[in-house]
Amino acid sequence: MILLGILFIISPANALLTYALWIGLGFSVSAVIRIVQGISAKQANESWAWVIFEGSIDLLMGFIFLTHPGLTTSILPFFIGFWATIMAIFLIIEGFSGTRSSAIKIITGFSVLLVGFKCMFNPIAAGMTIAVWIGVVFLVIGIYNVVLSFSLR
């Protein structure tokens, strides 16, 4: 996710069709990671169901992006905004549930929520601006996943 975020920020003018395939791959990899995290959190008796559900949404998004890249390119800003909003809500819920890294989850969740709303409810501002915001969302989520992975040790 971090690499996708950097690519979007560096070169927003590139065709979104190519990125749709990479985004689908990123969602799929992220889904596997989140589902494995959820299964391991189940043994620790944490909020594993939310993590597995989040991974399932990532898996669905990855499937859609990989199987229909042309369609997803035209509605990419809304898709990303919707996904970011759902992920932000999960992060905020996890943060308030008192699990590890609560402050990081809450701050990341509200940051991603704002960007998700911007992408979802202002698709007219697509083009370069949306591509950069999509990059910011991927960068923030990617950094969060790295920080979370170190806290799971």
N, C-alpha and C. Protein backbone atom coordinates (compact mmCIF):
# COMPACT_ATOMS: atom_id res chain seq x y z
N MET A 1 0.82 -1.19 0.00
CA MET A 1 0.00 0.00 0.00
C MET A 1 0.87 1.26 0.00
N ILE A 2 1.98 1.22 0.73
CA ILE A 2 2.84 2.41 0.78
C ILE A 2 3.38 2.72 -0.60
N LEU A 3 3.83 1.69 -1.33
CA LEU A 3 4.37 1.91 -2.68
C LEU A 3 3.29 2.47 -3.61
N LEU A 4 2.07 1.94 -3.52
CA LEU A 4 0.98 2.47 -4.35
C LEU A 4 0.72 3.93 -4.01
N GLY A 5 0.74 4.26 -2.72
CA GLY A 5 0.52 5.65 -2.31
C GLY A 5 1.57 6.58 -2.90
N ILE A 6 2.83 6.17 -2.83
CA ILE A 6 3.91 7.00 -3.39
C ILE A 6 3.76 7.14 -4.90
N LEU A 7 3.42 6.05 -5.59
CA LEU A 7 3.24 6.12 -7.05
C LEU A 7 2.11 7.07 -7.43
N PHE A 8 1.02 7.05 -6.70
CA PHE A 8 -0.09 7.95 -6.99
C PHE A 8 0.31 9.41 -6.77
N ILE A 9 1.06 9.67 -5.72
CA ILE A 9 1.46 11.05 -5.42
C ILE A 9 2.48 11.56 -6.43
N ILE A 10 3.42 10.70 -6.83
CA ILE A 10 4.48 11.12 -7.76
C ILE A 10 3.95 11.34 -9.17
N SER A 11 3.10 10.45 -9.64
CA SER A 11 2.67 10.54 -11.04
C SER A 11 1.15 10.42 -11.18
N PRO A 12 0.41 11.44 -10.76
CA PRO A 12 -1.05 11.34 -10.82
C PRO A 12 -1.62 11.37 -12.24
N ALA A 13 -0.83 11.83 -13.22
CA ALA A 13 -1.35 11.93 -14.58
C ALA A 13 -1.35 10.59 -15.32
N ASN A 14 -0.69 9.57 -14.78
CA ASN A 14 -0.67 8.26 -15.45
C ASN A 14 -2.08 7.68 -15.52
N ALA A 15 -2.24 6.77 -16.44
CA ALA A 15 -3.56 6.15 -16.63
C ALA A 15 -3.98 5.37 -15.39
N LEU A 16 -5.22 5.58 -14.95
CA LEU A 16 -5.74 4.88 -13.78
C LEU A 16 -6.03 3.41 -14.07
N LEU A 17 -6.12 3.07 -15.34
CA LEU A 17 -6.38 1.67 -15.70
C LEU A 17 -5.24 0.77 -15.20
N THR A 18 -4.01 1.21 -15.39
CA THR A 18 -2.86 0.44 -14.91
C THR A 18 -2.90 0.36 -13.40
N TYR A 19 -3.20 1.47 -12.76
CA TYR A 19 -3.26 1.48 -11.31
C TYR A 19 -4.39 0.62 -10.77
N ALA A 20 -5.49 0.52 -11.53
CA ALA A 20 -6.60 -0.31 -11.06
C ALA A 20 -6.15 -1.75 -10.85
N LEU A 21 -5.32 -2.26 -11.75
CA LEU A 21 -4.82 -3.62 -11.59
C LEU A 21 -3.90 -3.74 -10.38
N TRP A 22 -3.01 -2.75 -10.22
CA TRP A 22 -2.11 -2.76 -9.06
C TRP A 22 -2.88 -2.59 -7.76
N ILE A 23 -3.91 -1.76 -7.80
CA ILE A 23 -4.73 -1.55 -6.60
C ILE A 23 -5.44 -2.86 -6.26
N GLY A 24 -5.95 -3.55 -7.26
CA GLY A 24 -6.59 -4.84 -7.02
C GLY A 24 -5.63 -5.83 -6.37
N LEU A 25 -4.39 -5.84 -6.84
CA LEU A 25 -3.38 -6.70 -6.24
C LEU A 25 -3.09 -6.26 -4.81
N GLY A 26 -3.00 -4.95 -4.59
CA GLY A 26 -2.75 -4.43 -3.24
C GLY A 26 -3.87 -4.78 -2.28
N PHE A 27 -5.12 -4.64 -2.74
CA PHE A 27 -6.26 -5.03 -1.91
C PHE A 27 -6.20 -6.51 -1.57
N SER A 28 -5.86 -7.35 -2.55
CA SER A 28 -5.81 -8.79 -2.33
C SER A 28 -4.75 -9.17 -1.31
N VAL A 29 -3.56 -8.59 -1.43
CA VAL A 29 -2.49 -8.87 -0.47
C VAL A 29 -2.88 -8.36 0.91
N SER A 30 -3.42 -7.14 0.97
CA SER A 30 -3.86 -6.58 2.24
C SER A 30 -4.95 -7.45 2.88
N ALA A 31 -5.83 -8.00 2.06
CA ALA A 31 -6.90 -8.86 2.56
C ALA A 31 -6.34 -10.10 3.24
N VAL A 32 -5.38 -10.73 2.59
CA VAL A 32 -4.78 -11.93 3.17
C VAL A 32 -4.11 -11.60 4.50
N ILE A 33 -3.39 -10.48 4.55
CA ILE A 33 -2.71 -10.07 5.78
C ILE A 33 -3.72 -9.81 6.89
N ARG A 34 -4.79 -9.06 6.58
CA ARG A 34 -5.79 -8.73 7.61
C ARG A 34 -6.53 -9.99 8.09
N ILE A 35 -6.83 -10.92 7.19
CA ILE A 35 -7.52 -12.15 7.60
C ILE A 35 -6.62 -12.98 8.50
N VAL A 36 -5.34 -13.08 8.16
CA VAL A 36 -4.39 -13.80 9.02
C VAL A 36 -4.27 -13.10 10.38
N GLN A 37 -4.22 -11.76 10.38
CA GLN A 37 -4.18 -11.02 11.64
C GLN A 37 -5.43 -11.30 12.47
N GLY A 38 -6.58 -11.37 11.82
CA GLY A 38 -7.83 -11.65 12.53
C GLY A 38 -7.84 -13.03 13.14
N ILE A 39 -7.34 -14.00 12.39
CA ILE A 39 -7.29 -15.37 12.91
C ILE A 39 -6.34 -15.44 14.10
N SER A 40 -5.20 -14.77 14.02
CA SER A 40 -4.26 -14.80 15.15
C SER A 40 -4.80 -13.99 16.33
N ALA A 41 -5.57 -12.93 16.07
CA ALA A 41 -6.17 -12.15 17.16
C ALA A 41 -7.27 -12.93 17.86
N LYS A 42 -7.87 -13.89 17.15
CA LYS A 42 -8.92 -14.72 17.75
C LYS A 42 -8.35 -15.52 18.91
N GLN A 43 -7.12 -15.99 18.77
CA GLN A 43 -6.48 -16.76 19.83
C GLN A 43 -6.17 -15.87 21.04
N ALA A 44 -5.90 -14.58 20.78
CA ALA A 44 -5.61 -13.65 21.87
C ALA A 44 -6.88 -13.04 22.45
N ASN A 45 -8.06 -13.45 21.91
CA ASN A 45 -9.35 -13.00 22.39
C ASN A 45 -9.56 -11.49 22.19
N GLU A 46 -9.05 -10.96 21.09
CA GLU A 46 -9.24 -9.54 20.77
C GLU A 46 -10.43 -9.42 19.80
N SER A 47 -10.59 -8.25 19.22
CA SER A 47 -11.71 -8.02 18.30
C SER A 47 -11.40 -8.60 16.92
N TRP A 48 -11.31 -9.92 16.86
CA TRP A 48 -10.91 -10.61 15.65
C TRP A 48 -11.96 -10.57 14.54
N ALA A 49 -13.23 -10.53 14.88
CA ALA A 49 -14.29 -10.56 13.87
C ALA A 49 -14.23 -9.32 12.98
N TRP A 50 -13.97 -8.15 13.58
CA TRP A 50 -13.88 -6.93 12.78
C TRP A 50 -12.71 -6.99 11.82
N VAL A 51 -11.60 -7.53 12.27
CA VAL A 51 -10.40 -7.61 11.43
C VAL A 51 -10.64 -8.56 10.26
N ILE A 52 -11.28 -9.69 10.52
CA ILE A 52 -11.59 -10.63 9.44
C ILE A 52 -12.61 -10.02 8.47
N PHE A 53 -13.60 -9.31 9.00
CA PHE A 53 -14.58 -8.64 8.13
C PHE A 53 -13.90 -7.59 7.27
N GLU A 54 -12.98 -6.82 7.86
CA GLU A 54 -12.22 -5.83 7.10
C GLU A 54 -11.41 -6.50 6.00
N GLY A 55 -10.77 -7.62 6.31
CA GLY A 55 -10.02 -8.37 5.30
C GLY A 55 -10.93 -8.89 4.20
N SER A 56 -12.14 -9.28 4.56
CA SER A 56 -13.10 -9.77 3.56
C SER A 56 -13.51 -8.65 2.61
N ILE A 57 -13.68 -7.44 3.14
CA ILE A 57 -14.02 -6.30 2.27
C ILE A 57 -12.85 -6.00 1.34
N ASP A 58 -11.62 -6.05 1.86
CA ASP A 58 -10.45 -5.85 1.01
C ASP A 58 -10.40 -6.91 -0.09
N LEU A 59 -10.72 -8.17 0.25
CA LEU A 59 -10.71 -9.24 -0.73
C LEU A 59 -11.75 -9.00 -1.83
N LEU A 60 -12.94 -8.56 -1.44
CA LEU A 60 -13.98 -8.25 -2.41
C LEU A 60 -13.55 -7.10 -3.32
N MET A 61 -12.98 -6.05 -2.73
CA MET A 61 -12.50 -4.91 -3.54
C MET A 61 -11.40 -5.36 -4.49
N GLY A 62 -10.48 -6.19 -4.03
CA GLY A 62 -9.41 -6.69 -4.89
C GLY A 62 -9.96 -7.48 -6.05
N PHE A 63 -10.94 -8.32 -5.79
CA PHE A 63 -11.57 -9.12 -6.86
C PHE A 63 -12.22 -8.21 -7.90
N ILE A 64 -12.95 -7.20 -7.44
CA ILE A 64 -13.62 -6.28 -8.37
C ILE A 64 -12.60 -5.54 -9.22
N PHE A 65 -11.54 -5.03 -8.59
CA PHE A 65 -10.52 -4.27 -9.33
C PHE A 65 -9.78 -5.15 -10.32
N LEU A 66 -9.50 -6.40 -9.97
CA LEU A 66 -8.75 -7.28 -10.87
C LEU A 66 -9.60 -7.80 -12.03
N THR A 67 -10.88 -8.01 -11.80
CA THR A 67 -11.72 -8.59 -12.86
C THR A 67 -12.37 -7.55 -13.76
N HIS A 68 -12.50 -6.30 -13.29
CA HIS A 68 -13.15 -5.25 -14.09
C HIS A 68 -12.35 -3.94 -14.04
N PRO A 69 -11.11 -3.91 -14.52
CA PRO A 69 -10.30 -2.70 -14.39
C PRO A 69 -10.85 -1.50 -15.18
N GLY A 70 -11.47 -1.74 -16.32
CA GLY A 70 -12.02 -0.63 -17.11
C GLY A 70 -13.17 0.06 -16.40
N LEU A 71 -14.06 -0.74 -15.83
CA LEU A 71 -15.20 -0.21 -15.09
C LEU A 71 -14.74 0.52 -13.83
N THR A 72 -13.82 -0.09 -13.13
CA THR A 72 -13.39 0.51 -11.87
C THR A 72 -12.63 1.82 -12.08
N THR A 73 -12.00 1.98 -13.23
CA THR A 73 -11.29 3.23 -13.50
C THR A 73 -12.24 4.42 -13.52
N SER A 74 -13.42 4.21 -14.09
CA SER A 74 -14.36 5.32 -14.19
C SER A 74 -14.98 5.70 -12.84
N ILE A 75 -15.07 4.74 -11.94
CA ILE A 75 -15.66 5.02 -10.63
C ILE A 75 -14.64 4.85 -9.50
N LEU A 76 -13.36 4.92 -9.86
CA LEU A 76 -12.29 4.73 -8.89
C LEU A 76 -12.35 5.67 -7.70
N PRO A 77 -12.56 6.98 -7.90
CA PRO A 77 -12.60 7.87 -6.73
C PRO A 77 -13.68 7.48 -5.73
N PHE A 78 -14.87 7.10 -6.21
CA PHE A 78 -15.93 6.70 -5.29
C PHE A 78 -15.57 5.40 -4.58
N PHE A 79 -15.06 4.41 -5.34
CA PHE A 79 -14.64 3.14 -4.74
C PHE A 79 -13.62 3.35 -3.63
N ILE A 80 -12.61 4.14 -3.92
CA ILE A 80 -11.56 4.39 -2.94
C ILE A 80 -12.13 5.15 -1.74
N GLY A 81 -12.97 6.14 -1.99
CA GLY A 81 -13.59 6.88 -0.90
C GLY A 81 -14.46 5.99 -0.03
N PHE A 82 -15.22 5.10 -0.66
CA PHE A 82 -16.08 4.17 0.08
C PHE A 82 -15.24 3.23 0.92
N TRP A 83 -14.21 2.65 0.29
CA TRP A 83 -13.32 1.74 1.01
C TRP A 83 -12.63 2.46 2.18
N ALA A 84 -12.13 3.66 1.92
CA ALA A 84 -11.44 4.42 2.97
C ALA A 84 -12.38 4.72 4.14
N THR A 85 -13.62 5.05 3.83
CA THR A 85 -14.60 5.36 4.87
C THR A 85 -14.89 4.12 5.73
N ILE A 86 -15.07 2.97 5.08
CA ILE A 86 -15.32 1.72 5.83
C ILE A 86 -14.11 1.37 6.70
N MET A 87 -12.91 1.45 6.12
CA MET A 87 -11.71 1.13 6.88
C MET A 87 -11.52 2.10 8.05
N ALA A 88 -11.86 3.37 7.82
CA ALA A 88 -11.74 4.38 8.89
C ALA A 88 -12.70 4.06 10.03
N ILE A 89 -13.91 3.67 9.70
CA ILE A 89 -14.89 3.32 10.73
C ILE A 89 -14.39 2.12 11.54
N PHE A 90 -13.84 1.11 10.86
CA PHE A 90 -13.29 -0.05 11.58
C PHE A 90 -12.14 0.36 12.49
N LEU A 91 -11.27 1.23 12.00
CA LEU A 91 -10.14 1.69 12.82
C LEU A 91 -10.63 2.44 14.06
N ILE A 92 -11.62 3.29 13.87
CA ILE A 92 -12.16 4.07 14.99
C ILE A 92 -12.82 3.13 16.01
N ILE A 93 -13.60 2.16 15.53
CA ILE A 93 -14.24 1.19 16.43
C ILE A 93 -13.18 0.40 17.20
N GLU A 94 -12.15 -0.09 16.47
CA GLU A 94 -11.08 -0.83 17.14
C GLU A 94 -10.35 0.05 18.15
N GLY A 95 -10.15 1.32 17.79
CA GLY A 95 -9.46 2.23 18.70
C GLY A 95 -10.22 2.47 19.98
N PHE A 96 -11.53 2.62 19.88
CA PHE A 96 -12.34 2.84 21.07
C PHE A 96 -12.65 1.56 21.84
N SER A 97 -12.35 0.40 21.25
CA SER A 97 -12.60 -0.85 21.97
C SER A 97 -11.51 -1.17 22.98
N GLY A 98 -10.47 -0.34 23.02
CA GLY A 98 -9.44 -0.49 24.05
C GLY A 98 -8.36 -1.49 23.72
N THR A 99 -8.23 -1.87 22.46
CA THR A 99 -7.16 -2.79 22.09
C THR A 99 -5.83 -2.05 22.01
N ARG A 100 -4.78 -2.78 21.63
CA ARG A 100 -3.46 -2.17 21.52
C ARG A 100 -3.47 -1.05 20.49
N SER A 101 -2.60 -0.07 20.66
CA SER A 101 -2.40 1.05 19.74
C SER A 101 -3.69 1.84 19.53
N SER A 102 -4.46 2.07 20.57
CA SER A 102 -5.75 2.75 20.45
C SER A 102 -5.61 4.15 19.88
N ALA A 103 -4.67 4.94 20.36
CA ALA A 103 -4.51 6.32 19.89
C ALA A 103 -4.15 6.35 18.41
N ILE A 104 -3.26 5.47 17.98
CA ILE A 104 -2.86 5.42 16.58
C ILE A 104 -4.06 5.06 15.71
N LYS A 105 -4.85 4.09 16.16
CA LYS A 105 -6.02 3.67 15.39
C LYS A 105 -7.04 4.80 15.27
N ILE A 106 -7.28 5.52 16.35
CA ILE A 106 -8.27 6.60 16.33
C ILE A 106 -7.79 7.75 15.44
N ILE A 107 -6.55 8.17 15.58
CA ILE A 107 -6.02 9.27 14.76
C ILE A 107 -6.01 8.88 13.29
N THR A 108 -5.52 7.67 12.98
CA THR A 108 -5.51 7.20 11.60
C THR A 108 -6.93 7.10 11.06
N GLY A 109 -7.84 6.57 11.88
CA GLY A 109 -9.23 6.41 11.44
C GLY A 109 -9.88 7.72 11.06
N PHE A 110 -9.73 8.75 11.91
CA PHE A 110 -10.34 10.04 11.59
C PHE A 110 -9.67 10.71 10.39
N SER A 111 -8.35 10.53 10.24
CA SER A 111 -7.65 11.09 9.08
C SER A 111 -8.14 10.45 7.79
N VAL A 112 -8.24 9.13 7.79
CA VAL A 112 -8.70 8.41 6.61
C VAL A 112 -10.18 8.69 6.34
N LEU A 113 -10.97 8.87 7.39
CA LEU A 113 -12.38 9.19 7.23
C LEU A 113 -12.57 10.51 6.47
N LEU A 114 -11.79 11.52 6.84
CA LEU A 114 -11.88 12.81 6.14
C LEU A 114 -11.52 12.69 4.67
N VAL A 115 -10.44 11.98 4.37
CA VAL A 115 -10.03 11.81 2.98
C VAL A 115 -11.04 10.94 2.23
N GLY A 116 -11.59 9.93 2.89
CA GLY A 116 -12.60 9.08 2.26
C GLY A 116 -13.83 9.86 1.86
N PHE A 117 -14.31 10.73 2.75
CA PHE A 117 -15.45 11.59 2.42
C PHE A 117 -15.12 12.52 1.27
N LYS A 118 -13.92 13.06 1.26
CA LYS A 118 -13.50 13.97 0.18
C LYS A 118 -13.54 13.24 -1.16
N CYS A 119 -13.04 12.01 -1.20
CA CYS A 119 -13.04 11.24 -2.46
C CYS A 119 -14.45 10.84 -2.87
N MET A 120 -15.27 10.46 -1.90
CA MET A 120 -16.59 9.93 -2.20
C MET A 120 -17.59 11.01 -2.61
N PHE A 121 -17.56 12.14 -1.93
CA PHE A 121 -18.59 13.14 -2.15
C PHE A 121 -18.16 14.31 -3.02
N ASN A 122 -16.97 14.25 -3.58
CA ASN A 122 -16.52 15.30 -4.47
C ASN A 122 -15.83 14.68 -5.69
N PRO A 123 -16.53 13.79 -6.42
CA PRO A 123 -15.89 13.13 -7.57
C PRO A 123 -15.61 14.08 -8.73
N ILE A 124 -16.23 15.26 -8.75
CA ILE A 124 -15.97 16.25 -9.80
C ILE A 124 -14.52 16.71 -9.73
N ALA A 125 -13.98 16.73 -8.54
CA ALA A 125 -12.59 17.16 -8.37
C ALA A 125 -11.62 16.02 -8.67
N ALA A 126 -12.05 15.10 -9.53
CA ALA A 126 -11.21 13.93 -9.86
C ALA A 126 -9.89 14.36 -10.49
N GLY A 127 -9.36 13.57 -11.37
CA GLY A 127 -8.11 13.92 -12.01
C GLY A 127 -6.94 13.91 -11.06
N MET A 128 -6.11 14.93 -11.16
CA MET A 128 -4.88 14.99 -10.37
C MET A 128 -5.16 15.03 -8.87
N THR A 129 -6.14 15.81 -8.44
CA THR A 129 -6.40 15.95 -7.01
C THR A 129 -6.83 14.63 -6.40
N ILE A 130 -7.76 13.93 -7.02
CA ILE A 130 -8.23 12.66 -6.49
C ILE A 130 -7.09 11.64 -6.48
N ALA A 131 -6.28 11.63 -7.54
CA ALA A 131 -5.16 10.70 -7.58
C ALA A 131 -4.21 10.95 -6.41
N VAL A 132 -3.95 12.21 -6.10
CA VAL A 132 -3.08 12.52 -4.97
C VAL A 132 -3.73 12.11 -3.65
N TRP A 133 -5.05 12.37 -3.49
CA TRP A 133 -5.74 11.97 -2.26
C TRP A 133 -5.76 10.45 -2.11
N ILE A 134 -5.95 9.75 -3.22
CA ILE A 134 -5.90 8.29 -3.17
C ILE A 134 -4.52 7.85 -2.70
N GLY A 135 -3.49 8.51 -3.22
CA GLY A 135 -2.13 8.22 -2.77
C GLY A 135 -1.95 8.45 -1.29
N VAL A 136 -2.52 9.54 -0.79
CA VAL A 136 -2.42 9.84 0.65
C VAL A 136 -3.12 8.76 1.47
N VAL A 137 -4.30 8.33 1.03
CA VAL A 137 -5.03 7.27 1.75
C VAL A 137 -4.19 5.99 1.80
N PHE A 138 -3.65 5.58 0.65
CA PHE A 138 -2.83 4.36 0.62
C PHE A 138 -1.59 4.51 1.49
N LEU A 139 -0.97 5.67 1.45
CA LEU A 139 0.22 5.91 2.26
C LEU A 139 -0.10 5.82 3.75
N VAL A 140 -1.18 6.47 4.18
CA VAL A 140 -1.56 6.45 5.60
C VAL A 140 -1.92 5.03 6.04
N ILE A 141 -2.73 4.31 5.25
CA ILE A 141 -3.12 2.94 5.60
C ILE A 141 -1.89 2.03 5.59
N GLY A 142 -1.00 2.21 4.62
CA GLY A 142 0.21 1.40 4.57
C GLY A 142 1.10 1.61 5.77
N ILE A 143 1.30 2.86 6.16
CA ILE A 143 2.11 3.17 7.33
C ILE A 143 1.45 2.60 8.59
N TYR A 144 0.13 2.73 8.67
CA TYR A 144 -0.59 2.16 9.81
C TYR A 144 -0.36 0.65 9.89
N ASN A 145 -0.46 -0.06 8.75
CA ASN A 145 -0.27 -1.51 8.76
C ASN A 145 1.15 -1.88 9.19
N VAL A 146 2.15 -1.09 8.78
CA VAL A 146 3.53 -1.35 9.21
C VAL A 146 3.66 -1.14 10.72
N VAL A 147 3.11 -0.02 11.23
CA VAL A 147 3.17 0.25 12.67
C VAL A 147 2.44 -0.85 13.44
N LEU A 148 1.28 -1.25 12.95
CA LEU A 148 0.52 -2.32 13.60
C LEU A 148 1.29 -3.62 13.61
N SER A 149 1.96 -3.94 12.51
CA SER A 149 2.69 -5.21 12.45
C SER A 149 3.81 -5.25 13.48
N PHE A 150 4.45 -4.12 13.74
CA PHE A 150 5.50 -4.09 14.76
C PHE A 150 4.92 -4.19 16.17
N SER A 151 3.70 -3.71 16.35
CA SER A 151 3.10 -3.77 17.68
C SER A 151 2.54 -5.17 17.99
N LEU A 152 2.41 -6.03 16.99
CA LEU A 152 1.88 -7.37 17.20
C LEU A 152 2.94 -8.36 17.67
N ARG A 153 4.18 -7.94 17.70
CA ARG A 153 5.28 -8.84 18.09
C ARG A 153 5.10 -9.34 19.46
